[in-house]
Amino acid sequence: MKSINFEEATIKIAEHQEEFNTVFAQRNEREGSVNICFELTLEELRKIQETGKIWYKQITYNNNMRPMRISPFKHEIVYGSNTN
């Protein structure tokens, strides 16, 4: 899985850090969010199709969890719309 660039992306996270892959993101200051798009490998897609599951990890440094959302629909993430 890797972050891919998308039209609305406004920032690059870890762009010049050799130990990390660059993450393309859209900073939404109105909402206080950062939106990222990931492209999955064929192996990852097959595993998701097989199990119907996806795993998520968020480093919290022992602080409270923040709300999160995962969706295959761009409009739900980038534009905040729940409609097609």
C-alpha atoms as a PDB file:
ATOM      1  CA  MET A   1       0.000   0.000   0.000  1.00  0.00           C
ATOM      2  CA  LYS A   2       1.345   3.420  -0.846  1.00  0.00           C
ATOM      3  CA  SER A   3       0.154   6.985  -0.747  1.00  0.00           C
ATOM      4  CA  ILE A   4      -0.683   8.363  -4.175  1.00  0.00           C
ATOM      5  CA  ASN A   5      -0.837  11.957  -5.340  1.00  0.00           C
ATOM      6  CA  PHE A   6      -4.312  13.303  -6.099  1.00  0.00           C
ATOM      7  CA  GLU A   7      -5.670  16.553  -7.511  1.00  0.00           C
ATOM      8  CA  GLU A   8      -6.712  18.031  -4.158  1.00  0.00           C
ATOM      9  CA  ALA A   9      -3.433  17.210  -2.355  1.00  0.00           C
ATOM     10  CA  THR A  10      -1.895  20.333  -0.838  1.00  0.00           C
ATOM     11  CA  ILE A  11       1.017  18.973   1.217  1.00  0.00           C
ATOM     12  CA  LYS A  12       3.696  16.281   1.115  1.00  0.00           C
ATOM     13  CA  ILE A  13       4.496  14.593   4.422  1.00  0.00           C
ATOM     14  CA  ALA A  14       7.996  13.143   4.982  1.00  0.00           C
ATOM     15  CA  GLU A  15       9.018  14.216   1.476  1.00  0.00           C
ATOM     16  CA  HIS A  16      12.743  14.395   2.208  1.00  0.00           C
ATOM     17  CA  GLN A  17      12.992  11.650   4.837  1.00  0.00           C
ATOM     18  CA  GLU A  18      14.749   8.659   3.298  1.00  0.00           C
ATOM     19  CA  GLU A  19      13.426   6.214   5.905  1.00  0.00           C
ATOM     20  CA  PHE A  20       9.799   7.046   4.978  1.00  0.00           C
ATOM     21  CA  ASN A  21       7.732   7.141   1.813  1.00  0.00           C
ATOM     22  CA  THR A  22       6.299  10.518   0.852  1.00  0.00           C
ATOM     23  CA  VAL A  23       2.651  10.840   1.840  1.00  0.00           C
ATOM     24  CA  PHE A  24       0.521  13.106  -0.347  1.00  0.00           C
ATOM     25  CA  ALA A  25      -2.261  14.766   1.620  1.00  0.00           C
ATOM     26  CA  GLN A  26      -4.959  17.394   1.551  1.00  0.00           C
ATOM     27  CA  ARG A  27      -5.020  19.601   4.634  1.00  0.00           C
ATOM     28  CA  ASN A  28      -8.578  20.680   5.363  1.00  0.00           C
ATOM     29  CA  GLU A  29      -8.204  23.510   7.863  1.00  0.00           C
ATOM     30  CA  ARG A  30     -11.962  24.153   8.074  1.00  0.00           C
ATOM     31  CA  GLU A  31     -12.563  20.597   9.255  1.00  0.00           C
ATOM     32  CA  GLY A  32      -9.239  20.166  11.065  1.00  0.00           C
ATOM     33  CA  SER A  33      -8.401  17.048   9.055  1.00  0.00           C
ATOM     34  CA  VAL A  34      -5.767  15.598   6.772  1.00  0.00           C
ATOM     35  CA  ASN A  35      -6.974  13.443   3.869  1.00  0.00           C
ATOM     36  CA  ILE A  36      -4.759  10.812   2.236  1.00  0.00           C
ATOM     37  CA  CYS A  37      -5.362   8.381  -0.636  1.00  0.00           C
ATOM     38  CA  PHE A  38      -3.691   4.964  -0.719  1.00  0.00           C
ATOM     39  CA  GLU A  39      -3.257   2.609  -3.644  1.00  0.00           C
ATOM     40  CA  LEU A  40      -3.364  -1.087  -2.781  1.00  0.00           C
ATOM     41  CA  THR A  41      -1.320  -3.848  -4.370  1.00  0.00           C
ATOM     42  CA  LEU A  42      -3.008  -6.802  -6.055  1.00  0.00           C
ATOM     43  CA  GLU A  43      -1.996  -8.980  -3.094  1.00  0.00           C
ATOM     44  CA  GLU A  44      -3.659  -6.541  -0.669  1.00  0.00           C
ATOM     45  CA  LEU A  45      -6.816  -6.390  -2.794  1.00  0.00           C
ATOM     46  CA  ARG A  46      -6.990 -10.191  -2.914  1.00  0.00           C
ATOM     47  CA  LYS A  47      -6.616 -10.435   0.872  1.00  0.00           C
ATOM     48  CA  ILE A  48      -9.355  -7.861   1.463  1.00  0.00           C
ATOM     49  CA  GLN A  49     -11.635  -9.675  -0.963  1.00  0.00           C
ATOM     50  CA  GLU A  50     -10.871 -12.982   0.765  1.00  0.00           C
ATOM     51  CA  THR A  51     -11.367 -11.785   4.364  1.00  0.00           C
ATOM     52  CA  GLY A  52     -13.486  -8.642   4.015  1.00  0.00           C
ATOM     53  CA  LYS A  53     -11.170  -7.005   6.553  1.00  0.00           C
ATOM     54  CA  ILE A  54      -8.718  -4.131   6.678  1.00  0.00           C
ATOM     55  CA  TRP A  55      -6.472  -3.340   9.627  1.00  0.00           C
ATOM     56  CA  TYR A  56      -5.728   0.176  10.873  1.00  0.00           C
ATOM     57  CA  LYS A  57      -3.068   1.412  13.289  1.00  0.00           C
ATOM     58  CA  GLN A  58      -2.865   4.887  14.787  1.00  0.00           C
ATOM     59  CA  ILE A  59      -0.027   5.944  17.059  1.00  0.00           C
ATOM     60  CA  THR A  60      -1.573   7.852  19.971  1.00  0.00           C
ATOM     61  CA  TYR A  61       1.409   8.271  22.306  1.00  0.00           C
ATOM     62  CA  ASN A  62      -1.024   7.146  25.041  1.00  0.00           C
ATOM     63  CA  ASN A  63      -3.350  10.085  24.388  1.00  0.00           C
ATOM     64  CA  ASN A  64      -7.001   9.915  23.361  1.00  0.00           C
ATOM     65  CA  MET A  65      -7.959   8.492  19.988  1.00  0.00           C
ATOM     66  CA  ARG A  66      -9.165  10.995  17.420  1.00  0.00           C
ATOM     67  CA  PRO A  67     -12.112  10.342  15.122  1.00  0.00           C
ATOM     68  CA  MET A  68     -11.126   8.590  11.909  1.00  0.00           C
ATOM     69  CA  ARG A  69     -12.797   7.490   8.725  1.00  0.00           C
ATOM     70  CA  ILE A  70     -11.823   4.953   6.077  1.00  0.00           C
ATOM     71  CA  SER A  71     -13.766   4.836   2.820  1.00  0.00           C
ATOM     72  CA  PRO A  72     -13.337   3.693  -0.773  1.00  0.00           C
ATOM     73  CA  PHE A  73     -15.374   6.742  -1.856  1.00  0.00           C
ATOM     74  CA  LYS A  74     -13.344   9.904  -2.515  1.00  0.00           C
ATOM     75  CA  HIS A  75     -16.329  12.241  -2.110  1.00  0.00           C
ATOM     76  CA  GLU A  76     -16.875  11.029   1.471  1.00  0.00           C
ATOM     77  CA  ILE A  77     -13.309  11.896   2.454  1.00  0.00           C
ATOM     78  CA  VAL A  78     -12.239  14.859   0.318  1.00  0.00           C
ATOM     79  CA  TYR A  79     -15.568  16.664   0.092  1.00  0.00           C
ATOM     80  CA  GLY A  80     -17.250  15.375   3.265  1.00  0.00           C
ATOM     81  CA  SER A  81     -20.309  14.180   1.365  1.00  0.00           C
ATOM     82  CA  ASN A  82     -22.202  11.006   2.184  1.00  0.00           C
ATOM     83  CA  THR A  83     -23.965  10.979  -1.166  1.00  0.00           C
ATOM     84  CA  ASN A  84     -22.746   9.656  -4.522  1.00  0.00           C
END
